[in-house]
Amino acid sequence: MLVAMNFGLVSRIISVYQPDPQTVINAFCKARTYFGQSSVMSYRWMLTMACIDRYTSSTANARIRKFANPYIACRVIFIIVIIWIIVPFHNWIFLNINGTTCVWSSSAVATYNSALVVICGFIIPATVMITCAVLINNNLKHKRKRRRNNVSTSAASEANRLLRARDRQTLLMLYVEISCYIIFTSPWAIFTVYNALSLSVPNKTSDRIAVEGFLQFLTETTAYLYSTLSFYLYTLASRTFRQELVKVISAIMNSRNQCCNRAGRVAPF
């Protein structure tokens, strides 16, 4: 997402003070959309695979649980990156500057691109995330039942209560993550479809062009917001996450203080 933001947002900021490079440099018109689409799709599919990984790690089925390991995760990441380096290659061919805008040279390609963005960038990831959330919820319910059957002492009962609290917070974080994903990415998906359908409209007025440009900027920026909000969402949604964050910060501060104390110590002659 840092790659996508550098190509997407930096050029928007530059266009406030200088001519927009996307409408002046044809190579940048192609590169901005290609690298933005490639990196955003890679990010979304890695997030989708992470939800599947959460499901596999929470299931009671030992065979399915074997898929939740770092070796498979690295292979999946590599495959996702390769796929989304290749699939958006049509941006280099069919995107060109026409007048003062960077547009598709063919309405058929624009329709294909919007279908690609909506289906592979919104519908499939959102559907998989929601499905995984439901399956994870079922897995945690089964775990709670097994824990209740195995509780025999007050200490075990207290441990069971803590595990239930952790499960609830895990689910809450997942639901918040999925909800925010849908809220922040759906406007861009809708505008992408509209932009493809309106490409063949002749003689657009200057007001309509200005409104469409503003909506493109707004929806695109909103789509970028999601990747920057994960830390804040987790901090607000989960008490356990906040406690672990405090522990990490305390550990860093303590190690720093120890280093400073050792540096200032004078050894005897």
C-alpha atoms as a PDB file:
ATOM      1  CA  MET A   1       0.000   0.000   0.000  1.00  0.00           C
ATOM      2  CA  LEU A   2       2.987   2.322   0.397  1.00  0.00           C
ATOM      3  CA  VAL A   3       3.688   1.734  -3.308  1.00  0.00           C
ATOM      4  CA  ALA A   4       0.053   2.509  -4.184  1.00  0.00           C
ATOM      5  CA  MET A   5       0.033   5.661  -2.065  1.00  0.00           C
ATOM      6  CA  ASN A   6       3.302   6.934  -3.525  1.00  0.00           C
ATOM      7  CA  PHE A   7       1.916   6.631  -7.048  1.00  0.00           C
ATOM      8  CA  GLY A   8      -1.671   7.597  -6.233  1.00  0.00           C
ATOM      9  CA  LEU A   9      -1.630  10.244  -3.526  1.00  0.00           C
ATOM     10  CA  VAL A  10       1.695  11.977  -4.210  1.00  0.00           C
ATOM     11  CA  SER A  11       0.650  12.835  -7.760  1.00  0.00           C
ATOM     12  CA  ARG A  12      -2.635  14.244  -6.391  1.00  0.00           C
ATOM     13  CA  ILE A  13      -0.715  16.468  -3.978  1.00  0.00           C
ATOM     14  CA  ILE A  14       1.658  17.623  -6.737  1.00  0.00           C
ATOM     15  CA  SER A  15      -1.304  18.500  -8.975  1.00  0.00           C
ATOM     16  CA  VAL A  16      -2.413  21.140  -6.448  1.00  0.00           C
ATOM     17  CA  TYR A  17       0.756  23.186  -7.103  1.00  0.00           C
ATOM     18  CA  GLN A  18       1.908  21.941 -10.524  1.00  0.00           C
ATOM     19  CA  PRO A  19       0.269  20.439 -13.639  1.00  0.00           C
ATOM     20  CA  ASP A  20      -0.945  16.914 -12.864  1.00  0.00           C
ATOM     21  CA  PRO A  21       1.758  14.532 -14.199  1.00  0.00           C
ATOM     22  CA  GLN A  22      -0.978  11.996 -14.922  1.00  0.00           C
ATOM     23  CA  THR A  23      -2.418  14.320 -17.584  1.00  0.00           C
ATOM     24  CA  VAL A  24       0.940  15.494 -18.959  1.00  0.00           C
ATOM     25  CA  ILE A  25       3.265  12.463 -19.025  1.00  0.00           C
ATOM     26  CA  ASN A  26       1.798   9.490 -20.884  1.00  0.00           C
ATOM     27  CA  ALA A  27       4.170   6.989 -19.227  1.00  0.00           C
ATOM     28  CA  PHE A  28       3.100   8.207 -15.791  1.00  0.00           C
ATOM     29  CA  CYS A  29      -0.571   7.937 -16.813  1.00  0.00           C
ATOM     30  CA  LYS A  30       0.019   4.220 -17.440  1.00  0.00           C
ATOM     31  CA  ALA A  31       2.403   3.612 -14.508  1.00  0.00           C
ATOM     32  CA  ARG A  32       0.204   5.280 -11.890  1.00  0.00           C
ATOM     33  CA  THR A  33      -2.804   3.076 -12.620  1.00  0.00           C
ATOM     34  CA  TYR A  34      -0.736  -0.082 -13.143  1.00  0.00           C
ATOM     35  CA  PHE A  35       1.301   0.114  -9.934  1.00  0.00           C
ATOM     36  CA  GLY A  36      -1.708   1.347  -7.981  1.00  0.00           C
ATOM     37  CA  GLN A  37      -3.916  -1.517  -9.158  1.00  0.00           C
ATOM     38  CA  SER A  38      -1.169  -4.122  -8.786  1.00  0.00           C
ATOM     39  CA  SER A  39      -0.239  -3.173  -5.230  1.00  0.00           C
ATOM     40  CA  VAL A  40      -3.817  -2.562  -4.030  1.00  0.00           C
ATOM     41  CA  MET A  41      -4.996  -5.921  -5.382  1.00  0.00           C
ATOM     42  CA  SER A  42      -1.990  -7.674  -3.824  1.00  0.00           C
ATOM     43  CA  TYR A  43      -2.799  -6.064  -0.479  1.00  0.00           C
ATOM     44  CA  ARG A  44      -6.485  -6.999  -0.621  1.00  0.00           C
ATOM     45  CA  TRP A  45      -5.797 -10.611  -1.564  1.00  0.00           C
ATOM     46  CA  MET A  46      -3.146 -10.968   1.135  1.00  0.00           C
ATOM     47  CA  LEU A  47      -5.716  -9.677   3.609  1.00  0.00           C
ATOM     48  CA  THR A  48      -8.224 -12.204   2.253  1.00  0.00           C
ATOM     49  CA  MET A  49      -5.706 -15.036   2.595  1.00  0.00           C
ATOM     50  CA  ALA A  50      -4.970 -13.858   6.139  1.00  0.00           C
ATOM     51  CA  CYS A  51      -8.651 -14.375   6.996  1.00  0.00           C
ATOM     52  CA  ILE A  52      -8.468 -17.899   5.562  1.00  0.00           C
ATOM     53  CA  ASP A  53      -5.314 -18.467   7.623  1.00  0.00           C
ATOM     54  CA  ARG A  54      -7.207 -17.377  10.755  1.00  0.00           C
ATOM     55  CA  TYR A  55      -9.913 -19.891   9.955  1.00  0.00           C
ATOM     56  CA  THR A  56      -7.452 -22.748   9.394  1.00  0.00           C
ATOM     57  CA  SER A  57      -5.601 -21.961  12.625  1.00  0.00           C
ATOM     58  CA  SER A  58      -8.845 -21.939  14.659  1.00  0.00           C
ATOM     59  CA  THR A  59     -10.388 -25.154  13.315  1.00  0.00           C
ATOM     60  CA  ALA A  60     -10.414 -28.427  15.251  1.00  0.00           C
ATOM     61  CA  ASN A  61      -9.615 -30.384  12.081  1.00  0.00           C
ATOM     62  CA  ALA A  62      -5.929 -31.299  12.255  1.00  0.00           C
ATOM     63  CA  ARG A  63      -5.570 -31.698   8.482  1.00  0.00           C
ATOM     64  CA  ILE A  64      -6.952 -28.217   7.789  1.00  0.00           C
ATOM     65  CA  ARG A  65      -4.869 -26.746  10.610  1.00  0.00           C
ATOM     66  CA  LYS A  66      -1.683 -27.912   8.843  1.00  0.00           C
ATOM     67  CA  PHE A  67      -2.223 -25.186   6.234  1.00  0.00           C
ATOM     68  CA  ALA A  68      -1.685 -22.491   8.876  1.00  0.00           C
ATOM     69  CA  ASN A  69       2.106 -22.397   8.765  1.00  0.00           C
ATOM     70  CA  PRO A  70       4.699 -19.811   7.651  1.00  0.00           C
ATOM     71  CA  TYR A  71       5.982 -21.912   4.726  1.00  0.00           C
ATOM     72  CA  ILE A  72       2.578 -22.010   3.029  1.00  0.00           C
ATOM     73  CA  ALA A  73       1.980 -18.329   3.867  1.00  0.00           C
ATOM     74  CA  CYS A  74       5.228 -17.322   2.113  1.00  0.00           C
ATOM     75  CA  ARG A  75       4.311 -19.352  -0.969  1.00  0.00           C
ATOM     76  CA  VAL A  76       0.820 -17.815  -1.070  1.00  0.00           C
ATOM     77  CA  ILE A  77       2.267 -14.297  -0.791  1.00  0.00           C
ATOM     78  CA  PHE A  78       4.695 -15.011  -3.642  1.00  0.00           C
ATOM     79  CA  ILE A  79       1.903 -16.387  -5.872  1.00  0.00           C
ATOM     80  CA  ILE A  80      -0.373 -13.403  -5.128  1.00  0.00           C
ATOM     81  CA  VAL A  81       2.368 -10.907  -6.018  1.00  0.00           C
ATOM     82  CA  ILE A  82       3.191 -12.700  -9.290  1.00  0.00           C
ATOM     83  CA  ILE A  83      -0.486 -12.881 -10.310  1.00  0.00           C
ATOM     84  CA  TRP A  84      -1.111  -9.191  -9.666  1.00  0.00           C
ATOM     85  CA  ILE A  85       2.049  -8.163 -11.465  1.00  0.00           C
ATOM     86  CA  ILE A  86       0.761  -9.931 -14.595  1.00  0.00           C
ATOM     87  CA  VAL A  87      -3.030  -9.375 -14.532  1.00  0.00           C
ATOM     88  CA  PRO A  88      -3.076  -5.509 -14.621  1.00  0.00           C
ATOM     89  CA  PHE A  89      -0.684  -5.387 -17.589  1.00  0.00           C
ATOM     90  CA  HIS A  90      -3.483  -4.063 -19.829  1.00  0.00           C
ATOM     91  CA  ASN A  91      -2.948  -0.667 -18.167  1.00  0.00           C
ATOM     92  CA  TRP A  92       0.332  -0.267 -20.078  1.00  0.00           C
ATOM     93  CA  ILE A  93      -1.403  -0.853 -23.423  1.00  0.00           C
ATOM     94  CA  PHE A  94      -4.851   0.760 -23.295  1.00  0.00           C
ATOM     95  CA  LEU A  95      -4.373   3.772 -20.998  1.00  0.00           C
ATOM     96  CA  ASN A  96      -3.413   7.002 -22.749  1.00  0.00           C
ATOM     97  CA  ILE A  97      -3.729  10.745 -22.341  1.00  0.00           C
ATOM     98  CA  ASN A  98      -6.636  12.128 -24.346  1.00  0.00           C
ATOM     99  CA  GLY A  99      -6.701  15.902 -24.182  1.00  0.00           C
ATOM    100  CA  THR A 100      -6.311  16.681 -20.485  1.00  0.00           C
ATOM    101  CA  THR A 101      -7.370  13.334 -19.016  1.00  0.00           C
ATOM    102  CA  CYS A 102      -5.879   9.874 -18.630  1.00  0.00           C
ATOM    103  CA  VAL A 103      -8.542   7.548 -20.072  1.00  0.00           C
ATOM    104  CA  TRP A 104      -9.016   4.115 -21.574  1.00  0.00           C
ATOM    105  CA  SER A 105      -8.655   3.987 -25.350  1.00  0.00           C
ATOM    106  CA  SER A 106     -11.382   1.320 -25.590  1.00  0.00           C
ATOM    107  CA  SER A 107     -14.719   1.138 -23.778  1.00  0.00           C
ATOM    108  CA  ALA A 108     -14.513  -2.689 -23.856  1.00  0.00           C
ATOM    109  CA  VAL A 109     -11.229  -2.594 -21.936  1.00  0.00           C
ATOM    110  CA  ALA A 110     -12.709  -0.059 -19.507  1.00  0.00           C
ATOM    111  CA  THR A 111     -15.616  -2.453 -18.879  1.00  0.00           C
ATOM    112  CA  TYR A 112     -13.179  -5.352 -18.382  1.00  0.00           C
ATOM    113  CA  ASN A 113     -11.100  -3.277 -15.953  1.00  0.00           C
ATOM    114  CA  SER A 114     -14.147  -2.223 -13.911  1.00  0.00           C
ATOM    115  CA  ALA A 115     -15.339  -5.845 -13.765  1.00  0.00           C
ATOM    116  CA  LEU A 116     -11.858  -6.900 -12.626  1.00  0.00           C
ATOM    117  CA  VAL A 117     -11.783  -4.262  -9.880  1.00  0.00           C
ATOM    118  CA  VAL A 118     -15.327  -4.942  -8.644  1.00  0.00           C
ATOM    119  CA  ILE A 119     -15.196  -8.746  -8.752  1.00  0.00           C
ATOM    120  CA  CYS A 120     -11.572  -9.409  -7.734  1.00  0.00           C
ATOM    121  CA  GLY A 121     -11.070  -6.315  -5.602  1.00  0.00           C
ATOM    122  CA  PHE A 122     -14.382  -6.123  -3.764  1.00  0.00           C
ATOM    123  CA  ILE A 123     -16.944  -8.924  -4.196  1.00  0.00           C
ATOM    124  CA  ILE A 124     -14.667 -11.975  -3.824  1.00  0.00           C
ATOM    125  CA  PRO A 125     -12.508 -10.592  -0.960  1.00  0.00           C
ATOM    126  CA  ALA A 126     -15.541  -9.316   0.968  1.00  0.00           C
ATOM    127  CA  THR A 127     -17.410 -12.614   0.467  1.00  0.00           C
ATOM    128  CA  VAL A 128     -14.415 -14.676   1.601  1.00  0.00           C
ATOM    129  CA  MET A 129     -13.879 -12.444   4.642  1.00  0.00           C
ATOM    130  CA  ILE A 130     -17.530 -12.687   5.722  1.00  0.00           C
ATOM    131  CA  THR A 131     -17.533 -16.464   5.179  1.00  0.00           C
ATOM    132  CA  CYS A 132     -14.323 -16.857   7.194  1.00  0.00           C
ATOM    133  CA  ALA A 133     -15.776 -14.718   9.996  1.00  0.00           C
ATOM    134  CA  VAL A 134     -18.816 -17.018  10.218  1.00  0.00           C
ATOM    135  CA  LEU A 135     -16.632 -20.150  10.152  1.00  0.00           C
ATOM    136  CA  ILE A 136     -14.250 -18.741  12.770  1.00  0.00           C
ATOM    137  CA  ASN A 137     -17.231 -17.914  14.981  1.00  0.00           C
ATOM    138  CA  ASN A 138     -18.411 -21.527  14.679  1.00  0.00           C
ATOM    139  CA  ASN A 139     -14.922 -22.839  15.453  1.00  0.00           C
ATOM    140  CA  LEU A 140     -14.712 -20.707  18.584  1.00  0.00           C
ATOM    141  CA  LYS A 141     -18.177 -21.891  19.701  1.00  0.00           C
ATOM    142  CA  HIS A 142     -17.035 -25.513  19.441  1.00  0.00           C
ATOM    143  CA  LYS A 143     -13.894 -24.660  21.411  1.00  0.00           C
ATOM    144  CA  ARG A 144     -15.965 -23.035  24.160  1.00  0.00           C
ATOM    145  CA  LYS A 145     -18.157 -26.144  24.403  1.00  0.00           C
ATOM    146  CA  ARG A 146     -15.111 -28.376  24.777  1.00  0.00           C
ATOM    147  CA  ARG A 147     -13.698 -26.070  27.433  1.00  0.00           C
ATOM    148  CA  ARG A 148     -16.962 -26.168  29.434  1.00  0.00           C
ATOM    149  CA  ASN A 149     -16.936 -29.962  29.311  1.00  0.00           C
ATOM    150  CA  ASN A 150     -13.343 -30.062  30.572  1.00  0.00           C
ATOM    151  CA  VAL A 151     -13.721 -27.512  33.391  1.00  0.00           C
ATOM    152  CA  SER A 152     -13.253 -29.169  36.757  1.00  0.00           C
ATOM    153  CA  THR A 153     -11.610 -26.581  39.053  1.00  0.00           C
ATOM    154  CA  SER A 154     -12.039 -22.908  39.838  1.00  0.00           C
ATOM    155  CA  ALA A 155      -8.627 -22.167  38.274  1.00  0.00           C
ATOM    156  CA  ALA A 156      -9.725 -23.869  35.067  1.00  0.00           C
ATOM    157  CA  SER A 157     -12.982 -21.931  35.182  1.00  0.00           C
ATOM    158  CA  GLU A 158     -11.083 -18.649  35.454  1.00  0.00           C
ATOM    159  CA  ALA A 159      -8.826 -19.641  32.541  1.00  0.00           C
ATOM    160  CA  ASN A 160     -11.923 -20.537  30.544  1.00  0.00           C
ATOM    161  CA  ARG A 161     -13.414 -17.108  31.250  1.00  0.00           C
ATOM    162  CA  LEU A 162     -10.242 -15.383  30.047  1.00  0.00           C
ATOM    163  CA  LEU A 163     -10.216 -17.468  26.871  1.00  0.00           C
ATOM    164  CA  ARG A 164     -13.857 -16.581  26.187  1.00  0.00           C
ATOM    165  CA  ALA A 165     -13.036 -12.898  26.594  1.00  0.00           C
ATOM    166  CA  ARG A 166     -10.119 -13.258  24.194  1.00  0.00           C
ATOM    167  CA  ASP A 167     -12.324 -15.039  21.653  1.00  0.00           C
ATOM    168  CA  ARG A 168     -14.941 -12.289  21.839  1.00  0.00           C
ATOM    169  CA  GLN A 169     -12.333  -9.603  21.260  1.00  0.00           C
ATOM    170  CA  THR A 170     -10.817 -11.560  18.365  1.00  0.00           C
ATOM    171  CA  LEU A 171     -14.227 -11.793  16.706  1.00  0.00           C
ATOM    172  CA  LEU A 172     -14.939  -8.129  17.373  1.00  0.00           C
ATOM    173  CA  MET A 173     -11.658  -7.125  15.716  1.00  0.00           C
ATOM    174  CA  LEU A 174     -12.465  -9.323  12.728  1.00  0.00           C
ATOM    175  CA  TYR A 175     -15.993  -7.918  12.355  1.00  0.00           C
ATOM    176  CA  VAL A 176     -14.724  -4.340  12.619  1.00  0.00           C
ATOM    177  CA  GLU A 177     -12.036  -5.087  10.039  1.00  0.00           C
ATOM    178  CA  ILE A 178     -14.521  -6.579   7.555  1.00  0.00           C
ATOM    179  CA  SER A 179     -17.089  -3.809   8.092  1.00  0.00           C
ATOM    180  CA  CYS A 180     -14.527  -1.070   7.517  1.00  0.00           C
ATOM    181  CA  TYR A 181     -13.183  -2.871   4.454  1.00  0.00           C
ATOM    182  CA  ILE A 182     -16.655  -2.885   2.876  1.00  0.00           C
ATOM    183  CA  ILE A 183     -17.393   0.724   3.887  1.00  0.00           C
ATOM    184  CA  PHE A 184     -14.120   2.171   2.572  1.00  0.00           C
ATOM    185  CA  THR A 185     -13.744   0.133  -0.635  1.00  0.00           C
ATOM    186  CA  SER A 186     -17.336   0.030  -1.931  1.00  0.00           C
ATOM    187  CA  PRO A 187     -17.430   3.724  -3.067  1.00  0.00           C
ATOM    188  CA  TRP A 188     -14.390   3.192  -5.298  1.00  0.00           C
ATOM    189  CA  ALA A 189     -15.875  -0.016  -6.745  1.00  0.00           C
ATOM    190  CA  ILE A 190     -19.149   1.781  -7.516  1.00  0.00           C
ATOM    191  CA  PHE A 191     -17.368   4.744  -9.133  1.00  0.00           C
ATOM    192  CA  THR A 192     -15.222   2.383 -11.236  1.00  0.00           C
ATOM    193  CA  VAL A 193     -18.376   0.828 -12.698  1.00  0.00           C
ATOM    194  CA  TYR A 194     -19.911   4.267 -13.293  1.00  0.00           C
ATOM    195  CA  ASN A 195     -16.740   5.538 -14.963  1.00  0.00           C
ATOM    196  CA  ALA A 196     -16.680   2.584 -17.372  1.00  0.00           C
ATOM    197  CA  LEU A 197     -20.361   3.038 -18.269  1.00  0.00           C
ATOM    198  CA  SER A 198     -20.035   6.784 -18.792  1.00  0.00           C
ATOM    199  CA  LEU A 199     -16.919   6.533 -20.944  1.00  0.00           C
ATOM    200  CA  SER A 200     -18.997   6.379 -24.129  1.00  0.00           C
ATOM    201  CA  VAL A 201     -21.098   9.434 -23.214  1.00  0.00           C
ATOM    202  CA  PRO A 202     -20.306  12.170 -25.775  1.00  0.00           C
ATOM    203  CA  ASN A 203     -19.923  15.888 -25.128  1.00  0.00           C
ATOM    204  CA  LYS A 204     -19.751  15.927 -21.343  1.00  0.00           C
ATOM    205  CA  THR A 205     -20.189  19.378 -19.861  1.00  0.00           C
ATOM    206  CA  SER A 206     -17.326  20.977 -17.966  1.00  0.00           C
ATOM    207  CA  ASP A 207     -19.384  20.807 -14.751  1.00  0.00           C
ATOM    208  CA  ARG A 208     -19.917  17.058 -15.154  1.00  0.00           C
ATOM    209  CA  ILE A 209     -16.227  16.504 -15.833  1.00  0.00           C
ATOM    210  CA  ALA A 210     -15.353  18.508 -12.706  1.00  0.00           C
ATOM    211  CA  VAL A 211     -17.834  16.537 -10.555  1.00  0.00           C
ATOM    212  CA  GLU A 212     -16.529  13.221 -11.900  1.00  0.00           C
ATOM    213  CA  GLY A 213     -12.962  14.302 -11.183  1.00  0.00           C
ATOM    214  CA  PHE A 214     -13.894  15.235  -7.625  1.00  0.00           C
ATOM    215  CA  LEU A 215     -15.727  11.923  -7.074  1.00  0.00           C
ATOM    216  CA  GLN A 216     -12.760   9.994  -8.446  1.00  0.00           C
ATOM    217  CA  PHE A 217     -10.410  11.794  -6.052  1.00  0.00           C
ATOM    218  CA  LEU A 218     -12.776  11.308  -3.079  1.00  0.00           C
ATOM    219  CA  THR A 219     -13.504   7.605  -3.636  1.00  0.00           C
ATOM    220  CA  GLU A 220      -9.874   6.786  -4.431  1.00  0.00           C
ATOM    221  CA  THR A 221      -8.645   8.541  -1.293  1.00  0.00           C
ATOM    222  CA  THR A 222     -11.304   6.761   0.785  1.00  0.00           C
ATOM    223  CA  ALA A 223     -10.073   3.403  -0.559  1.00  0.00           C
ATOM    224  CA  TYR A 224      -6.536   4.272   0.578  1.00  0.00           C
ATOM    225  CA  LEU A 225      -7.788   5.086   4.084  1.00  0.00           C
ATOM    226  CA  TYR A 226      -8.548   1.476   4.982  1.00  0.00           C
ATOM    227  CA  SER A 227      -4.932   0.325   4.941  1.00  0.00           C
ATOM    228  CA  THR A 228      -3.905   3.169   7.272  1.00  0.00           C
ATOM    229  CA  LEU A 229      -6.610   2.508   9.882  1.00  0.00           C
ATOM    230  CA  SER A 230      -5.783  -1.055  11.009  1.00  0.00           C
ATOM    231  CA  PHE A 231      -3.796   0.048  14.060  1.00  0.00           C
ATOM    232  CA  TYR A 232      -6.496   2.474  15.200  1.00  0.00           C
ATOM    233  CA  LEU A 233      -9.293  -0.047  14.602  1.00  0.00           C
ATOM    234  CA  TYR A 234      -7.545  -2.734  16.629  1.00  0.00           C
ATOM    235  CA  THR A 235      -6.677  -0.267  19.408  1.00  0.00           C
ATOM    236  CA  LEU A 236     -10.272   0.944  19.718  1.00  0.00           C
ATOM    237  CA  ALA A 237     -11.909  -2.488  19.361  1.00  0.00           C
ATOM    238  CA  SER A 238      -9.777  -4.735  21.575  1.00  0.00           C
ATOM    239  CA  ARG A 239      -8.757  -4.287  25.196  1.00  0.00           C
ATOM    240  CA  THR A 240      -6.304  -7.181  24.844  1.00  0.00           C
ATOM    241  CA  PHE A 241      -4.634  -5.444  21.898  1.00  0.00           C
ATOM    242  CA  ARG A 242      -4.307  -2.255  23.975  1.00  0.00           C
ATOM    243  CA  GLN A 243      -2.793  -4.200  26.875  1.00  0.00           C
ATOM    244  CA  GLU A 244      -0.299  -5.944  24.599  1.00  0.00           C
ATOM    245  CA  LEU A 245       0.583  -2.583  23.011  1.00  0.00           C
ATOM    246  CA  VAL A 246       1.309  -1.098  26.443  1.00  0.00           C
ATOM    247  CA  LYS A 247       3.496  -4.124  27.264  1.00  0.00           C
ATOM    248  CA  VAL A 248       5.478  -3.708  24.046  1.00  0.00           C
ATOM    249  CA  ILE A 249       5.996   0.025  24.621  1.00  0.00           C
ATOM    250  CA  SER A 250       7.014  -0.621  28.258  1.00  0.00           C
ATOM    251  CA  ALA A 251       9.491  -3.304  27.163  1.00  0.00           C
ATOM    252  CA  ILE A 252      11.037  -0.920  24.618  1.00  0.00           C
ATOM    253  CA  MET A 253      11.316   1.882  27.178  1.00  0.00           C
ATOM    254  CA  ASN A 254      12.829  -0.448  29.796  1.00  0.00           C
ATOM    255  CA  SER A 255      15.425  -1.805  27.375  1.00  0.00           C
ATOM    256  CA  ARG A 256      16.289   1.746  26.341  1.00  0.00           C
ATOM    257  CA  ASN A 257      16.717   2.812  29.965  1.00  0.00           C
ATOM    258  CA  GLN A 258      18.927  -0.211  30.639  1.00  0.00           C
ATOM    259  CA  CYS A 259      21.115   0.648  27.654  1.00  0.00           C
ATOM    260  CA  CYS A 260      21.451   4.253  28.865  1.00  0.00           C
ATOM    261  CA  ASN A 261      22.342   3.111  32.384  1.00  0.00           C
ATOM    262  CA  ARG A 262      25.003   0.745  31.086  1.00  0.00           C
ATOM    263  CA  ALA A 263      26.429   3.473  28.869  1.00  0.00           C
ATOM    264  CA  GLY A 264      26.747   5.886  31.801  1.00  0.00           C
ATOM    265  CA  ARG A 265      28.300   3.378  34.233  1.00  0.00           C
ATOM    266  CA  VAL A 266      31.945   3.914  35.207  1.00  0.00           C
ATOM    267  CA  ALA A 267      34.016   0.748  35.693  1.00  0.00           C
ATOM    268  CA  PRO A 268      36.471   0.679  38.644  1.00  0.00           C
ATOM    269  CA  PHE A 269      40.221   0.839  37.954  1.00  0.00           C
END
